[in-house]
Amino acid sequence: MRISTTINGQARELDVAPDHTLLSVLRDQLHLTGTKEGCGSGDCGACTVLLDGVPVTSCLVLAPEADGCEITTIEGITPDEGLHPVQQALVDCGGFQCGFCTPGFVVSSVALLEDKPKPSDEEIRRGLAGNLCRCTGYTKIVEAVKQASRAMARKKRK
């Protein structure tokens, strides 16, 4: 089956099997391996991408469902010149350990901050509820999202 989509700002025509997930197409066909497969059942958030600006677990989206959609992966969030403010804040705050879940947290955090530029701690926790981490406590991740919020607000004022 042929689909048309935009991935990280680039228009793409792809031949996909109707039973393949968006995750498998991203990783195996397009070699965008920043998006991770954790549980395969939509519970961990490691495979989170933006589908038309909305965070989704790509392991639950069939590739044909992405036809006509805009997809942003972790590779599309990371700017050419360094790190996105969310990524930098995670580094600064020590918000990750092994890093496996980090791409999903970054994608979800970016979506959250675009929707709510100044989220409360509760809004951050709710916005990241679909992302699981086995290594860290979530306190540093929440702290990082708040730091990124402040950094993004300063950047907008300039």
N, C-alpha and C. Protein backbone atom coordinates (compact mmCIF):
# COMPACT_ATOMS: atom_id res chain seq x y z
N MET A 1 0.86 -1.17 0.00
CA MET A 1 0.00 0.00 0.00
C MET A 1 0.90 1.23 0.00
N ARG A 2 0.55 2.22 -0.81
CA ARG A 2 1.34 3.46 -0.91
C ARG A 2 0.67 4.55 -0.09
N ILE A 3 1.49 5.23 0.75
CA ILE A 3 0.97 6.35 1.52
C ILE A 3 1.85 7.58 1.27
N SER A 4 1.24 8.73 1.45
CA SER A 4 1.95 10.01 1.37
C SER A 4 1.91 10.63 2.76
N THR A 5 3.03 11.09 3.22
CA THR A 5 3.11 11.69 4.54
C THR A 5 4.25 12.69 4.58
N THR A 6 4.28 13.47 5.61
CA THR A 6 5.41 14.37 5.84
C THR A 6 6.05 13.92 7.14
N ILE A 7 7.33 13.61 7.08
CA ILE A 7 8.05 13.14 8.26
C ILE A 7 9.19 14.10 8.54
N ASN A 8 9.13 14.72 9.70
CA ASN A 8 10.15 15.69 10.11
C ASN A 8 10.36 16.77 9.05
N GLY A 9 9.24 17.22 8.48
CA GLY A 9 9.27 18.31 7.51
C GLY A 9 9.56 17.89 6.08
N GLN A 10 9.77 16.63 5.84
CA GLN A 10 10.09 16.14 4.50
C GLN A 10 8.94 15.31 3.94
N ALA A 11 8.43 15.69 2.77
CA ALA A 11 7.36 14.92 2.12
C ALA A 11 7.90 13.56 1.72
N ARG A 12 7.12 12.52 2.01
CA ARG A 12 7.56 11.16 1.71
C ARG A 12 6.43 10.37 1.07
N GLU A 13 6.77 9.54 0.10
CA GLU A 13 5.88 8.54 -0.48
C GLU A 13 6.45 7.20 -0.04
N LEU A 14 5.65 6.39 0.63
CA LEU A 14 6.15 5.14 1.20
C LEU A 14 5.26 3.97 0.80
N ASP A 15 5.90 2.85 0.54
CA ASP A 15 5.17 1.59 0.37
C ASP A 15 5.20 0.89 1.72
N VAL A 16 4.01 0.66 2.26
CA VAL A 16 3.91 0.04 3.59
C VAL A 16 2.96 -1.15 3.54
N ALA A 17 3.21 -2.10 4.38
CA ALA A 17 2.28 -3.23 4.53
C ALA A 17 1.11 -2.75 5.39
N PRO A 18 -0.11 -3.17 5.07
CA PRO A 18 -1.26 -2.69 5.82
C PRO A 18 -1.25 -3.07 7.30
N ASP A 19 -0.50 -4.12 7.65
CA ASP A 19 -0.47 -4.55 9.05
C ASP A 19 0.78 -4.08 9.80
N HIS A 20 1.62 -3.26 9.16
CA HIS A 20 2.80 -2.74 9.84
C HIS A 20 2.44 -1.49 10.64
N THR A 21 3.10 -1.35 11.77
CA THR A 21 2.86 -0.16 12.60
C THR A 21 3.71 1.00 12.10
N LEU A 22 3.29 2.18 12.50
CA LEU A 22 4.08 3.38 12.20
C LEU A 22 5.47 3.24 12.81
N LEU A 23 5.55 2.69 14.01
CA LEU A 23 6.84 2.48 14.66
C LEU A 23 7.76 1.63 13.80
N SER A 24 7.27 0.53 13.28
CA SER A 24 8.14 -0.35 12.48
C SER A 24 8.58 0.34 11.18
N VAL A 25 7.70 1.12 10.58
CA VAL A 25 8.09 1.84 9.36
C VAL A 25 9.16 2.88 9.69
N LEU A 26 8.96 3.62 10.77
CA LEU A 26 9.95 4.64 11.15
C LEU A 26 11.32 4.01 11.41
N ARG A 27 11.34 2.95 12.19
CA ARG A 27 12.61 2.35 12.59
C ARG A 27 13.23 1.48 11.49
N ASP A 28 12.44 0.58 10.93
CA ASP A 28 12.99 -0.44 10.03
C ASP A 28 13.11 0.03 8.59
N GLN A 29 12.16 0.82 8.14
CA GLN A 29 12.17 1.26 6.75
C GLN A 29 12.91 2.59 6.57
N LEU A 30 12.69 3.52 7.50
CA LEU A 30 13.28 4.85 7.37
C LEU A 30 14.53 5.04 8.24
N HIS A 31 14.83 4.07 9.08
CA HIS A 31 16.01 4.09 9.95
C HIS A 31 16.04 5.29 10.89
N LEU A 32 14.85 5.72 11.32
CA LEU A 32 14.72 6.77 12.34
C LEU A 32 14.62 6.04 13.68
N THR A 33 15.76 5.68 14.23
CA THR A 33 15.81 4.79 15.38
C THR A 33 15.76 5.51 16.73
N GLY A 34 15.58 6.81 16.73
CA GLY A 34 15.42 7.52 18.00
C GLY A 34 14.14 7.13 18.70
N THR A 35 13.12 6.82 17.94
CA THR A 35 11.85 6.35 18.48
C THR A 35 12.05 4.90 18.91
N LYS A 36 11.79 4.61 20.17
CA LYS A 36 12.11 3.28 20.72
C LYS A 36 10.87 2.41 20.86
N GLU A 37 11.07 1.10 20.75
CA GLU A 37 10.00 0.15 21.05
C GLU A 37 10.23 -0.39 22.44
N GLY A 38 9.29 -0.09 23.32
CA GLY A 38 9.39 -0.59 24.69
C GLY A 38 8.46 -1.76 24.89
N CYS A 39 7.19 -1.48 25.06
CA CYS A 39 6.22 -2.52 25.42
C CYS A 39 5.49 -3.11 24.22
N GLY A 40 5.33 -2.35 23.15
CA GLY A 40 4.57 -2.83 22.00
C GLY A 40 3.07 -2.82 22.20
N SER A 41 2.62 -2.27 23.33
CA SER A 41 1.18 -2.26 23.62
C SER A 41 0.66 -0.87 23.99
N GLY A 42 1.45 0.17 23.76
CA GLY A 42 1.00 1.53 24.01
C GLY A 42 1.02 1.96 25.45
N ASP A 43 1.68 1.20 26.32
CA ASP A 43 1.66 1.51 27.74
C ASP A 43 2.86 2.31 28.24
N CYS A 44 4.00 2.26 27.55
CA CYS A 44 5.22 2.85 28.12
C CYS A 44 5.57 4.23 27.56
N GLY A 45 5.13 4.55 26.35
CA GLY A 45 5.41 5.86 25.78
C GLY A 45 6.76 6.01 25.11
N ALA A 46 7.59 4.98 25.10
CA ALA A 46 8.92 5.09 24.49
C ALA A 46 8.84 5.38 22.99
N CYS A 47 7.75 4.99 22.36
CA CYS A 47 7.60 5.15 20.90
C CYS A 47 6.79 6.39 20.52
N THR A 48 6.63 7.32 21.45
CA THR A 48 5.79 8.50 21.19
C THR A 48 6.36 9.36 20.07
N VAL A 49 5.49 9.71 19.14
CA VAL A 49 5.78 10.66 18.06
C VAL A 49 4.59 11.62 18.00
N LEU A 50 4.77 12.70 17.26
CA LEU A 50 3.66 13.62 17.04
C LEU A 50 3.01 13.27 15.71
N LEU A 51 1.72 13.07 15.72
CA LEU A 51 0.94 12.80 14.52
C LEU A 51 -0.01 13.98 14.37
N ASP A 52 0.26 14.82 13.38
CA ASP A 52 -0.47 16.08 13.22
C ASP A 52 -0.45 16.89 14.52
N GLY A 53 0.71 16.90 15.18
CA GLY A 53 0.91 17.70 16.38
C GLY A 53 0.44 17.08 17.67
N VAL A 54 -0.15 15.90 17.60
CA VAL A 54 -0.70 15.24 18.79
C VAL A 54 0.21 14.05 19.15
N PRO A 55 0.62 13.93 20.42
CA PRO A 55 1.44 12.78 20.79
C PRO A 55 0.65 11.47 20.70
N VAL A 56 1.25 10.48 20.03
CA VAL A 56 0.64 9.15 19.91
C VAL A 56 1.72 8.10 20.13
N THR A 57 1.30 6.94 20.59
CA THR A 57 2.22 5.82 20.69
C THR A 57 2.23 5.13 19.33
N SER A 58 3.36 5.24 18.66
CA SER A 58 3.45 4.77 17.27
C SER A 58 3.36 3.26 17.15
N CYS A 59 3.50 2.53 18.24
CA CYS A 59 3.34 1.08 18.18
C CYS A 59 1.88 0.68 18.00
N LEU A 60 0.95 1.62 18.27
CA LEU A 60 -0.49 1.33 18.13
C LEU A 60 -1.11 1.93 16.87
N VAL A 61 -0.31 2.68 16.10
CA VAL A 61 -0.82 3.31 14.88
C VAL A 61 -0.39 2.45 13.70
N LEU A 62 -1.34 1.98 12.93
CA LEU A 62 -0.99 1.24 11.72
C LEU A 62 -0.46 2.24 10.70
N ALA A 63 0.57 1.84 9.98
CA ALA A 63 1.22 2.75 9.03
C ALA A 63 0.24 3.38 8.05
N PRO A 64 -0.74 2.64 7.50
CA PRO A 64 -1.68 3.28 6.58
C PRO A 64 -2.49 4.41 7.20
N GLU A 65 -2.66 4.40 8.53
CA GLU A 65 -3.39 5.47 9.20
C GLU A 65 -2.63 6.81 9.14
N ALA A 66 -1.35 6.77 8.84
CA ALA A 66 -0.54 7.98 8.76
C ALA A 66 -0.62 8.65 7.39
N ASP A 67 -1.35 8.05 6.47
CA ASP A 67 -1.49 8.63 5.13
C ASP A 67 -2.07 10.04 5.23
N GLY A 68 -1.37 10.99 4.63
CA GLY A 68 -1.81 12.38 4.63
C GLY A 68 -1.47 13.15 5.90
N CYS A 69 -0.79 12.51 6.83
CA CYS A 69 -0.49 13.14 8.12
C CYS A 69 0.93 13.70 8.16
N GLU A 70 1.13 14.59 9.12
CA GLU A 70 2.46 15.11 9.41
C GLU A 70 2.96 14.42 10.67
N ILE A 71 4.14 13.83 10.57
CA ILE A 71 4.73 13.08 11.66
C ILE A 71 6.01 13.78 12.10
N THR A 72 6.17 13.93 13.41
CA THR A 72 7.42 14.46 13.94
C THR A 72 7.97 13.46 14.94
N THR A 73 9.19 13.03 14.70
CA THR A 73 9.89 12.11 15.60
C THR A 73 10.89 12.91 16.42
N ILE A 74 11.58 12.24 17.31
CA ILE A 74 12.62 12.90 18.10
C ILE A 74 13.67 13.53 17.19
N GLU A 75 13.96 12.90 16.06
CA GLU A 75 14.94 13.46 15.13
C GLU A 75 14.47 14.79 14.57
N GLY A 76 13.15 14.96 14.42
CA GLY A 76 12.60 16.21 13.90
C GLY A 76 12.49 17.30 14.94
N ILE A 77 12.57 16.93 16.21
CA ILE A 77 12.51 17.91 17.29
C ILE A 77 13.88 18.50 17.57
N THR A 78 14.91 17.69 17.43
CA THR A 78 16.26 18.14 17.72
C THR A 78 16.73 19.10 16.63
N PRO A 79 17.04 20.35 16.99
CA PRO A 79 17.50 21.31 15.98
C PRO A 79 18.90 20.97 15.47
N ASP A 80 19.23 21.49 14.31
CA ASP A 80 20.56 21.24 13.74
C ASP A 80 21.66 21.81 14.63
N GLU A 81 21.38 22.90 15.31
CA GLU A 81 22.40 23.61 16.09
C GLU A 81 22.27 23.37 17.59
N GLY A 82 22.39 22.12 18.02
CA GLY A 82 22.37 21.85 19.45
C GLY A 82 21.15 21.07 19.88
N LEU A 83 20.65 21.40 21.07
CA LEU A 83 19.53 20.66 21.64
C LEU A 83 18.29 21.54 21.75
N HIS A 84 17.14 20.91 21.69
CA HIS A 84 15.87 21.60 21.97
C HIS A 84 15.90 21.97 23.46
N PRO A 85 15.24 23.06 23.86
CA PRO A 85 15.22 23.43 25.27
C PRO A 85 14.78 22.31 26.21
N VAL A 86 13.87 21.45 25.78
CA VAL A 86 13.46 20.32 26.62
C VAL A 86 14.63 19.36 26.81
N GLN A 87 15.34 19.07 25.74
CA GLN A 87 16.50 18.17 25.83
C GLN A 87 17.57 18.77 26.74
N GLN A 88 17.85 20.05 26.55
CA GLN A 88 18.87 20.71 27.37
C GLN A 88 18.49 20.70 28.84
N ALA A 89 17.21 20.94 29.11
CA ALA A 89 16.74 20.95 30.50
C ALA A 89 16.85 19.56 31.12
N LEU A 90 16.58 18.52 30.37
CA LEU A 90 16.73 17.16 30.90
C LEU A 90 18.19 16.88 31.26
N VAL A 91 19.11 17.37 30.43
CA VAL A 91 20.52 17.23 30.73
C VAL A 91 20.87 18.02 31.99
N ASP A 92 20.47 19.29 32.02
CA ASP A 92 20.80 20.17 33.15
C ASP A 92 20.24 19.67 34.47
N CYS A 93 19.05 19.12 34.43
CA CYS A 93 18.36 18.70 35.66
C CYS A 93 18.61 17.23 36.03
N GLY A 94 19.35 16.52 35.20
CA GLY A 94 19.57 15.10 35.47
C GLY A 94 18.29 14.29 35.36
N GLY A 95 17.48 14.62 34.35
CA GLY A 95 16.17 14.01 34.20
C GLY A 95 16.16 12.70 33.43
N PHE A 96 17.31 12.07 33.27
CA PHE A 96 17.32 10.75 32.62
C PHE A 96 18.52 9.97 33.14
N GLN A 97 18.45 8.67 33.00
CA GLN A 97 19.59 7.83 33.37
C GLN A 97 20.00 6.98 32.18
N CYS A 98 19.29 5.90 31.90
CA CYS A 98 19.70 5.06 30.78
C CYS A 98 19.37 5.70 29.44
N GLY A 99 18.35 6.54 29.40
CA GLY A 99 18.01 7.28 28.18
C GLY A 99 17.02 6.59 27.26
N PHE A 100 16.65 5.35 27.53
CA PHE A 100 15.76 4.63 26.62
C PHE A 100 14.41 5.33 26.47
N CYS A 101 13.86 5.83 27.55
CA CYS A 101 12.55 6.46 27.53
C CYS A 101 12.61 7.94 27.13
N THR A 102 13.81 8.50 27.11
CA THR A 102 13.98 9.95 26.92
C THR A 102 13.34 10.48 25.64
N PRO A 103 13.49 9.84 24.48
CA PRO A 103 12.84 10.39 23.29
C PRO A 103 11.33 10.56 23.45
N GLY A 104 10.68 9.58 24.06
CA GLY A 104 9.24 9.68 24.28
C GLY A 104 8.89 10.81 25.22
N PHE A 105 9.67 10.97 26.28
CA PHE A 105 9.45 12.08 27.22
C PHE A 105 9.66 13.42 26.53
N VAL A 106 10.68 13.53 25.70
CA VAL A 106 10.96 14.79 24.99
C VAL A 106 9.80 15.13 24.07
N VAL A 107 9.37 14.18 23.26
CA VAL A 107 8.27 14.43 22.31
C VAL A 107 7.01 14.83 23.07
N SER A 108 6.67 14.11 24.13
CA SER A 108 5.48 14.44 24.91
C SER A 108 5.61 15.81 25.58
N SER A 109 6.78 16.13 26.08
CA SER A 109 7.01 17.42 26.74
C SER A 109 6.91 18.58 25.76
N VAL A 110 7.45 18.40 24.57
CA VAL A 110 7.36 19.44 23.54
C VAL A 110 5.89 19.71 23.21
N ALA A 111 5.12 18.64 23.02
CA ALA A 111 3.69 18.80 22.73
C ALA A 111 2.98 19.50 23.88
N LEU A 112 3.29 19.12 25.10
CA LEU A 112 2.68 19.73 26.28
C LEU A 112 2.98 21.23 26.32
N LEU A 113 4.25 21.60 26.11
CA LEU A 113 4.64 23.00 26.19
C LEU A 113 4.10 23.84 25.04
N GLU A 114 3.84 23.22 23.92
CA GLU A 114 3.20 23.95 22.82
C GLU A 114 1.74 24.23 23.16
N ASP A 115 1.10 23.30 23.87
CA ASP A 115 -0.29 23.46 24.27
C ASP A 115 -0.43 24.33 25.51
N LYS A 116 0.47 24.15 26.46
CA LYS A 116 0.44 24.89 27.74
C LYS A 116 1.84 25.40 28.02
N PRO A 117 2.17 26.62 27.57
CA PRO A 117 3.53 27.13 27.74
C PRO A 117 4.01 27.27 29.18
N LYS A 118 3.08 27.42 30.12
CA LYS A 118 3.44 27.53 31.54
C LYS A 118 2.63 26.53 32.37
N PRO A 119 2.91 25.25 32.21
CA PRO A 119 2.11 24.24 32.92
C PRO A 119 2.45 24.18 34.40
N SER A 120 1.48 23.82 35.20
CA SER A 120 1.69 23.56 36.62
C SER A 120 2.33 22.17 36.76
N ASP A 121 2.81 21.86 37.95
CA ASP A 121 3.37 20.53 38.19
C ASP A 121 2.34 19.44 37.87
N GLU A 122 1.11 19.67 38.29
CA GLU A 122 0.05 18.69 38.04
C GLU A 122 -0.20 18.53 36.53
N GLU A 123 -0.20 19.63 35.78
CA GLU A 123 -0.40 19.55 34.33
C GLU A 123 0.76 18.83 33.66
N ILE A 124 1.96 19.03 34.17
CA ILE A 124 3.12 18.32 33.62
C ILE A 124 2.97 16.83 33.89
N ARG A 125 2.64 16.47 35.11
CA ARG A 125 2.49 15.05 35.45
C ARG A 125 1.38 14.39 34.61
N ARG A 126 0.28 15.11 34.41
CA ARG A 126 -0.81 14.59 33.59
C ARG A 126 -0.38 14.47 32.12
N GLY A 127 0.35 15.48 31.62
CA GLY A 127 0.80 15.49 30.24
C GLY A 127 1.81 14.40 29.92
N LEU A 128 2.52 13.95 30.95
CA LEU A 128 3.53 12.91 30.76
C LEU A 128 3.09 11.55 31.30
N ALA A 129 1.83 11.44 31.68
CA ALA A 129 1.33 10.22 32.31
C ALA A 129 1.47 8.98 31.43
N GLY A 130 1.51 9.13 30.14
CA GLY A 130 1.64 7.98 29.24
C GLY A 130 3.08 7.54 29.02
N ASN A 131 4.02 8.21 29.68
CA ASN A 131 5.44 7.88 29.54
C ASN A 131 5.96 7.29 30.84
N LEU A 132 6.59 6.13 30.74
CA LEU A 132 7.11 5.45 31.91
C LEU A 132 8.64 5.41 31.88
N CYS A 133 9.22 5.53 33.06
CA CYS A 133 10.67 5.43 33.22
C CYS A 133 10.95 4.49 34.37
N ARG A 134 11.84 3.56 34.16
CA ARG A 134 12.18 2.60 35.22
C ARG A 134 13.40 3.05 36.02
N CYS A 135 14.14 4.06 35.53
CA CYS A 135 15.40 4.42 36.16
C CYS A 135 15.32 5.62 37.10
N THR A 136 14.54 6.62 36.74
CA THR A 136 14.54 7.86 37.53
C THR A 136 13.26 7.97 38.33
N GLY A 137 13.28 8.85 39.30
CA GLY A 137 12.04 9.32 39.88
C GLY A 137 11.56 10.39 38.92
N TYR A 138 10.35 10.74 38.93
CA TYR A 138 9.83 11.70 37.96
C TYR A 138 10.07 13.14 38.37
N THR A 139 10.57 13.37 39.58
CA THR A 139 10.76 14.73 40.08
C THR A 139 11.68 15.54 39.18
N LYS A 140 12.80 14.96 38.76
CA LYS A 140 13.75 15.68 37.92
C LYS A 140 13.21 15.91 36.52
N ILE A 141 12.37 15.01 36.05
CA ILE A 141 11.75 15.20 34.73
C ILE A 141 10.78 16.37 34.78
N VAL A 142 9.97 16.43 35.84
CA VAL A 142 9.03 17.55 36.01
C VAL A 142 9.81 18.86 36.14
N GLU A 143 10.88 18.84 36.90
CA GLU A 143 11.74 20.02 37.06
C GLU A 143 12.30 20.46 35.70
N ALA A 144 12.70 19.50 34.89
CA ALA A 144 13.25 19.81 33.56
C ALA A 144 12.20 20.45 32.66
N VAL A 145 10.97 19.96 32.70
CA VAL A 145 9.91 20.54 31.87
C VAL A 145 9.65 21.98 32.30
N LYS A 146 9.67 22.24 33.61
CA LYS A 146 9.47 23.62 34.09
C LYS A 146 10.63 24.52 33.63
N GLN A 147 11.86 24.00 33.69
CA GLN A 147 13.01 24.78 33.22
C GLN A 147 12.90 25.05 31.72
N ALA A 148 12.49 24.05 30.96
CA ALA A 148 12.33 24.23 29.51
C ALA A 148 11.25 25.26 29.22
N SER A 149 10.18 25.25 30.00
CA SER A 149 9.11 26.23 29.84
C SER A 149 9.65 27.64 29.99
N ARG A 150 10.47 27.86 31.01
CA ARG A 150 11.06 29.19 31.23
C ARG A 150 12.00 29.56 30.09
N ALA A 151 12.81 28.62 29.65
CA ALA A 151 13.76 28.87 28.55
C ALA A 151 13.03 29.21 27.26
N MET A 152 11.95 28.48 26.98
CA MET A 152 11.18 28.74 25.75
C MET A 152 10.49 30.10 25.82
N ALA A 153 10.03 30.49 27.00
CA ALA A 153 9.39 31.80 27.17
C ALA A 153 10.41 32.91 26.94
N ARG A 154 11.64 32.74 27.45
CA ARG A 154 12.69 33.75 27.23
C ARG A 154 13.03 33.85 25.75
N LYS A 155 13.09 32.71 25.08
CA LYS A 155 13.43 32.67 23.66
C LYS A 155 12.36 33.41 22.82
N LYS A 156 11.09 33.24 23.20
CA LYS A 156 10.00 33.92 22.48
C LYS A 156 10.06 35.42 22.64
N ARG A 157 10.51 35.88 23.83
CA ARG A 157 10.56 37.33 24.09
C ARG A 157 11.65 38.02 23.28
N LYS A 158 12.65 37.26 22.87
CA LYS A 158 13.77 37.87 22.12
C LYS A 158 13.40 38.21 20.72
